[in-house]
N, C-alpha and C. Protein backbone atom coordinates (compact mmCIF):
# COMPACT_ATOMS: atom_id res chain seq x y z
N MET A 1 124.69 120.87 145.09
CA MET A 1 124.42 119.45 144.70
C MET A 1 125.72 118.77 145.26
N SER A 2 125.43 117.63 145.82
CA SER A 2 126.72 116.86 146.32
C SER A 2 127.30 116.08 145.19
N TYR A 3 128.34 115.50 145.39
CA TYR A 3 128.92 114.87 144.25
C TYR A 3 128.19 113.36 143.97
N SER A 4 127.74 112.84 145.06
CA SER A 4 126.96 111.45 144.79
C SER A 4 125.51 111.91 144.11
N ASP A 5 125.00 113.07 144.40
CA ASP A 5 123.79 113.35 143.65
C ASP A 5 124.08 113.67 142.17
N TYR A 6 125.31 114.38 141.98
CA TYR A 6 125.73 114.52 140.57
C TYR A 6 125.92 113.11 139.86
N ARG A 7 126.55 112.26 140.45
CA ARG A 7 126.87 110.98 139.80
C ARG A 7 125.50 110.19 139.56
N ILE A 8 124.45 110.27 140.42
CA ILE A 8 123.26 109.68 140.18
C ILE A 8 122.48 110.38 139.12
N GLN A 9 122.55 111.57 138.96
CA GLN A 9 121.94 112.39 137.81
C GLN A 9 122.69 112.08 136.46
N ARG A 10 124.07 112.03 136.62
CA ARG A 10 124.85 111.61 135.15
C ARG A 10 124.38 110.26 134.81
N ILE A 11 124.13 109.30 135.80
CA ILE A 11 123.74 108.02 135.26
C ILE A 11 122.22 108.04 134.59
N SER A 12 121.40 108.99 135.16
CA SER A 12 120.17 109.14 134.76
C SER A 12 120.14 109.53 133.37
N TYR A 13 121.06 110.58 133.07
CA TYR A 13 121.15 110.98 131.73
C TYR A 13 121.59 110.01 130.74
N ILE A 14 122.59 109.04 131.17
CA ILE A 14 123.14 108.12 130.38
C ILE A 14 121.72 107.07 129.95
N ASN A 15 121.01 106.75 130.91
CA ASN A 15 119.93 106.04 130.74
C ASN A 15 118.93 106.59 129.78
N ALA A 16 118.70 107.87 129.90
CA ALA A 16 117.83 108.66 128.81
C ALA A 16 118.35 108.65 127.64
N TYR A 17 119.68 108.83 127.44
CA TYR A 17 120.40 108.84 126.11
C TYR A 17 120.09 107.41 125.44
N ALA A 18 120.38 106.36 126.24
CA ALA A 18 120.02 104.92 125.67
C ALA A 18 118.60 104.76 125.24
N GLU A 19 117.70 105.10 125.98
CA GLU A 19 116.17 105.08 125.81
C GLU A 19 115.88 105.75 124.36
N VAL A 20 116.46 107.02 124.17
CA VAL A 20 116.40 107.72 122.95
C VAL A 20 117.06 107.01 121.66
N ALA A 21 118.24 106.62 122.03
CA ALA A 21 119.15 105.81 120.83
C ALA A 21 118.18 104.63 120.37
N PHE A 22 117.87 103.74 121.35
CA PHE A 22 117.22 102.59 121.11
C PHE A 22 115.89 102.87 120.15
N ASN A 23 115.28 103.95 120.76
CA ASN A 23 114.03 104.15 119.94
C ASN A 23 114.18 104.82 118.61
N LYS A 24 115.16 105.75 118.51
CA LYS A 24 115.38 106.34 117.18
C LYS A 24 116.08 105.45 116.12
N TYR A 25 117.06 104.64 116.65
CA TYR A 25 117.61 103.72 115.79
C TYR A 25 117.43 102.23 116.15
N ARG A 26 116.28 101.72 115.68
CA ARG A 26 115.81 100.48 116.01
C ARG A 26 116.74 99.28 115.69
N HIS A 27 117.47 99.47 114.83
CA HIS A 27 118.70 98.60 114.44
C HIS A 27 119.71 98.36 115.46
N ILE A 28 119.80 99.28 116.43
CA ILE A 28 120.74 99.07 117.46
C ILE A 28 120.29 98.24 118.67
N LYS A 29 120.87 96.95 118.96
CA LYS A 29 120.47 96.10 119.65
C LYS A 29 121.26 96.22 121.16
N LYS A 30 122.53 96.73 121.17
CA LYS A 30 123.30 96.84 122.24
C LYS A 30 124.04 98.25 122.22
N LEU A 31 124.16 98.89 123.35
CA LEU A 31 124.85 100.15 123.32
C LEU A 31 125.75 100.32 124.71
N ILE A 32 126.83 100.90 124.33
CA ILE A 32 127.75 101.24 125.51
C ILE A 32 127.91 102.81 125.55
N THR A 33 127.37 103.31 126.81
CA THR A 33 127.65 104.83 126.94
C THR A 33 128.58 105.11 128.20
N ILE A 34 129.36 106.00 127.90
CA ILE A 34 130.52 106.59 128.65
C ILE A 34 130.27 108.19 129.03
N ALA A 35 130.39 108.37 130.34
CA ALA A 35 130.26 109.66 130.82
C ALA A 35 131.28 110.16 131.81
N THR A 36 131.75 111.22 131.77
CA THR A 36 132.71 111.81 132.82
C THR A 36 132.58 113.15 133.11
N GLU A 37 133.44 113.67 133.92
CA GLU A 37 133.32 115.31 134.22
C GLU A 37 133.62 116.02 133.05
N PRO A 38 133.22 117.22 133.08
CA PRO A 38 133.80 118.10 132.09
C PRO A 38 135.37 118.33 132.24
N GLN A 39 135.96 118.71 131.14
CA GLN A 39 137.43 118.87 131.13
C GLN A 39 137.68 120.03 132.07
N ASN A 40 138.90 119.90 132.66
CA ASN A 40 139.34 120.90 133.53
C ASN A 40 138.77 121.07 134.91
N THR A 41 138.17 119.81 135.26
CA THR A 41 137.62 119.89 136.63
C THR A 41 138.41 119.01 137.51
N GLU A 42 138.44 119.33 138.82
CA GLU A 42 139.10 118.56 139.80
C GLU A 42 138.60 117.21 139.91
N GLY A 43 139.39 116.22 139.97
CA GLY A 43 139.06 114.84 140.11
C GLY A 43 138.63 114.30 138.83
N ARG A 44 138.21 113.00 138.91
CA ARG A 44 137.78 112.39 137.58
C ARG A 44 137.14 111.05 137.93
N SER A 45 136.12 110.82 137.44
CA SER A 45 135.36 109.52 137.35
C SER A 45 134.78 109.22 136.05
N GLU A 46 134.35 108.02 135.93
CA GLU A 46 133.69 107.51 134.58
C GLU A 46 132.71 106.64 134.96
N ASP A 47 131.61 106.77 134.17
CA ASP A 47 130.48 105.81 134.28
C ASP A 47 130.45 105.23 132.97
N LEU A 48 130.51 103.76 132.91
CA LEU A 48 130.46 103.04 131.63
C LEU A 48 129.14 102.05 131.86
N ILE A 49 128.03 102.06 131.01
CA ILE A 49 126.94 101.47 131.10
C ILE A 49 126.81 100.75 129.78
N TYR A 50 126.50 99.35 129.92
CA TYR A 50 126.18 98.49 128.80
C TYR A 50 124.55 98.30 128.79
N SER A 51 123.88 98.65 127.81
CA SER A 51 122.54 98.31 127.72
C SER A 51 122.12 97.60 126.51
N ILE A 52 121.01 96.98 126.64
CA ILE A 52 120.45 95.99 125.61
C ILE A 52 118.92 96.57 125.41
N SER A 53 118.84 96.69 123.99
CA SER A 53 117.51 97.23 123.62
C SER A 53 116.38 96.27 123.95
N PRO A 54 115.13 96.84 124.34
CA PRO A 54 114.07 96.05 124.70
C PRO A 54 113.63 95.28 123.27
N GLU A 55 113.00 94.06 123.32
CA GLU A 55 112.41 93.31 122.20
C GLU A 55 111.49 94.27 121.43
N LYS A 56 110.54 94.73 122.20
CA LYS A 56 109.50 95.68 121.64
C LYS A 56 109.28 96.75 122.37
N PHE A 57 108.70 98.00 121.82
CA PHE A 57 108.64 99.19 122.52
C PHE A 57 107.17 99.44 122.75
N THR A 58 106.74 99.67 123.97
CA THR A 58 105.41 100.15 124.24
C THR A 58 105.05 101.60 123.73
N LYS A 59 103.81 101.78 123.51
CA LYS A 59 103.39 103.17 123.32
C LYS A 59 104.02 104.13 124.28
N GLU A 60 104.03 103.89 125.51
CA GLU A 60 104.58 104.84 126.64
C GLU A 60 106.04 104.92 126.45
N GLN A 61 106.73 103.89 126.20
CA GLN A 61 108.23 104.08 125.91
C GLN A 61 108.56 104.81 124.71
N ASN A 62 107.87 104.67 123.65
CA ASN A 62 107.90 105.54 122.48
C ASN A 62 107.81 106.99 122.80
N GLU A 63 106.68 107.37 123.55
CA GLU A 63 106.26 108.62 123.88
C GLU A 63 107.42 109.21 124.79
N LYS A 64 107.86 108.48 125.71
CA LYS A 64 108.88 108.87 126.54
C LYS A 64 110.19 109.30 126.10
N ALA A 65 110.57 108.42 125.13
CA ALA A 65 111.80 108.61 124.18
C ALA A 65 111.74 109.76 123.40
N LYS A 66 110.69 110.04 122.85
CA LYS A 66 110.48 111.22 121.84
C LYS A 66 110.58 112.61 122.71
N ARG A 67 109.82 112.46 123.93
CA ARG A 67 109.77 113.62 124.84
C ARG A 67 111.28 113.99 125.31
N LEU A 68 112.03 112.89 125.76
CA LEU A 68 113.26 113.27 126.30
C LEU A 68 114.10 113.86 125.10
N SER A 69 114.15 113.22 123.89
CA SER A 69 114.75 113.70 122.78
C SER A 69 114.49 115.05 122.46
N ARG A 70 113.29 115.49 122.56
CA ARG A 70 112.84 116.81 122.13
C ARG A 70 113.28 117.86 123.31
N GLU A 71 112.82 117.42 124.57
CA GLU A 71 113.03 118.50 125.67
C GLU A 71 114.53 118.76 125.83
N TYR A 72 115.29 117.54 125.78
CA TYR A 72 116.82 117.61 126.16
C TYR A 72 117.82 117.73 125.07
N LYS A 73 117.23 117.65 123.87
CA LYS A 73 118.05 117.74 122.51
C LYS A 73 119.08 116.49 122.54
N ILE A 74 118.45 115.31 122.93
CA ILE A 74 119.31 114.13 122.99
C ILE A 74 119.23 113.60 121.60
N LEU A 75 120.30 113.31 120.86
CA LEU A 75 120.52 112.77 119.57
C LEU A 75 119.79 113.67 118.59
N SER A 76 119.74 114.97 118.74
CA SER A 76 119.13 115.93 117.89
C SER A 76 120.19 116.71 116.93
N ASP A 77 119.96 117.29 115.99
CA ASP A 77 120.94 117.92 115.13
C ASP A 77 121.56 118.98 115.86
N PHE A 78 122.95 118.73 116.24
CA PHE A 78 123.75 119.75 117.17
C PHE A 78 123.76 121.23 116.55
N PHE A 79 124.06 121.19 115.21
CA PHE A 79 124.28 122.63 114.53
C PHE A 79 122.92 123.27 114.61
N PHE A 80 121.66 122.69 114.39
CA PHE A 80 120.53 123.33 114.44
C PHE A 80 120.34 123.76 115.67
N TYR A 81 120.47 122.97 116.80
CA TYR A 81 120.51 123.31 118.20
C TYR A 81 121.15 124.72 118.60
N LEU A 82 122.54 124.68 118.11
CA LEU A 82 123.31 125.89 118.28
C LEU A 82 122.84 127.14 117.71
N LEU A 83 122.30 126.95 116.18
CA LEU A 83 121.63 128.01 115.60
C LEU A 83 120.47 128.71 116.29
N LYS A 84 119.85 127.90 116.79
CA LYS A 84 118.41 128.31 117.70
C LYS A 84 118.90 128.90 119.10
N ARG A 85 120.16 128.67 119.48
CA ARG A 85 120.73 129.23 120.84
C ARG A 85 119.67 128.78 122.05
N GLN A 86 119.26 127.53 121.92
CA GLN A 86 118.42 127.15 123.11
C GLN A 86 119.43 126.90 124.28
N ARG A 87 118.87 127.14 125.40
CA ARG A 87 119.84 126.91 126.52
C ARG A 87 119.99 125.35 126.83
N ALA A 88 121.04 124.96 127.24
CA ALA A 88 121.25 123.65 127.60
C ALA A 88 120.69 123.29 129.09
N ILE A 89 120.21 122.17 129.22
CA ILE A 89 119.66 121.74 130.56
C ILE A 89 120.71 121.37 131.52
N THR A 90 120.31 121.32 132.80
CA THR A 90 121.26 120.92 133.89
C THR A 90 120.93 119.43 133.93
N LEU A 91 121.84 118.76 134.73
CA LEU A 91 121.54 117.28 134.89
C LEU A 91 120.45 117.15 135.84
N ASN A 92 120.33 118.01 136.62
CA ASN A 92 119.21 118.04 137.80
C ASN A 92 117.82 117.96 137.07
N GLN A 93 117.62 119.02 136.10
CA GLN A 93 116.42 119.24 135.29
C GLN A 93 116.11 117.92 134.65
N LEU A 94 117.06 117.14 134.22
CA LEU A 94 116.89 116.09 133.26
C LEU A 94 116.62 114.88 134.36
N TYR A 95 117.27 114.84 135.55
CA TYR A 95 116.94 113.93 136.40
C TYR A 95 115.52 113.91 136.91
N GLN A 96 115.02 115.19 137.12
CA GLN A 96 113.67 115.26 137.40
C GLN A 96 112.65 114.70 136.55
N LYS A 97 112.85 114.94 135.25
CA LYS A 97 112.13 114.47 134.21
C LYS A 97 112.11 112.96 134.01
N VAL A 98 113.28 112.36 134.07
CA VAL A 98 113.50 111.00 133.87
C VAL A 98 112.89 110.07 134.83
N LYS A 99 112.88 110.41 136.22
CA LYS A 99 112.64 109.52 137.19
C LYS A 99 110.96 109.63 137.38
N LYS A 100 110.20 110.51 136.52
CA LYS A 100 108.90 110.44 136.58
C LYS A 100 108.27 109.23 136.07
């Protein structure tokens, strides 16, 4: 995967995270998300995205946010996740789901 593809996928993940956060925590109206490369990698870049919650959520938006949270463990109980030893997803897998 090229670096530019990685960056596009990373932004897709940030957007998915925002969708889930706004859906799960309806009192949140604004959100800032930050993403960067894993520690000890060569080079460094950051993505900083400011998002505003939609006024109302459609049924489709609710279903998509719940699916993203469930499938990719976004804003799920991290310790429960570790206990179950489920595999982490790649950014590419998330990107394919989010762009649908």
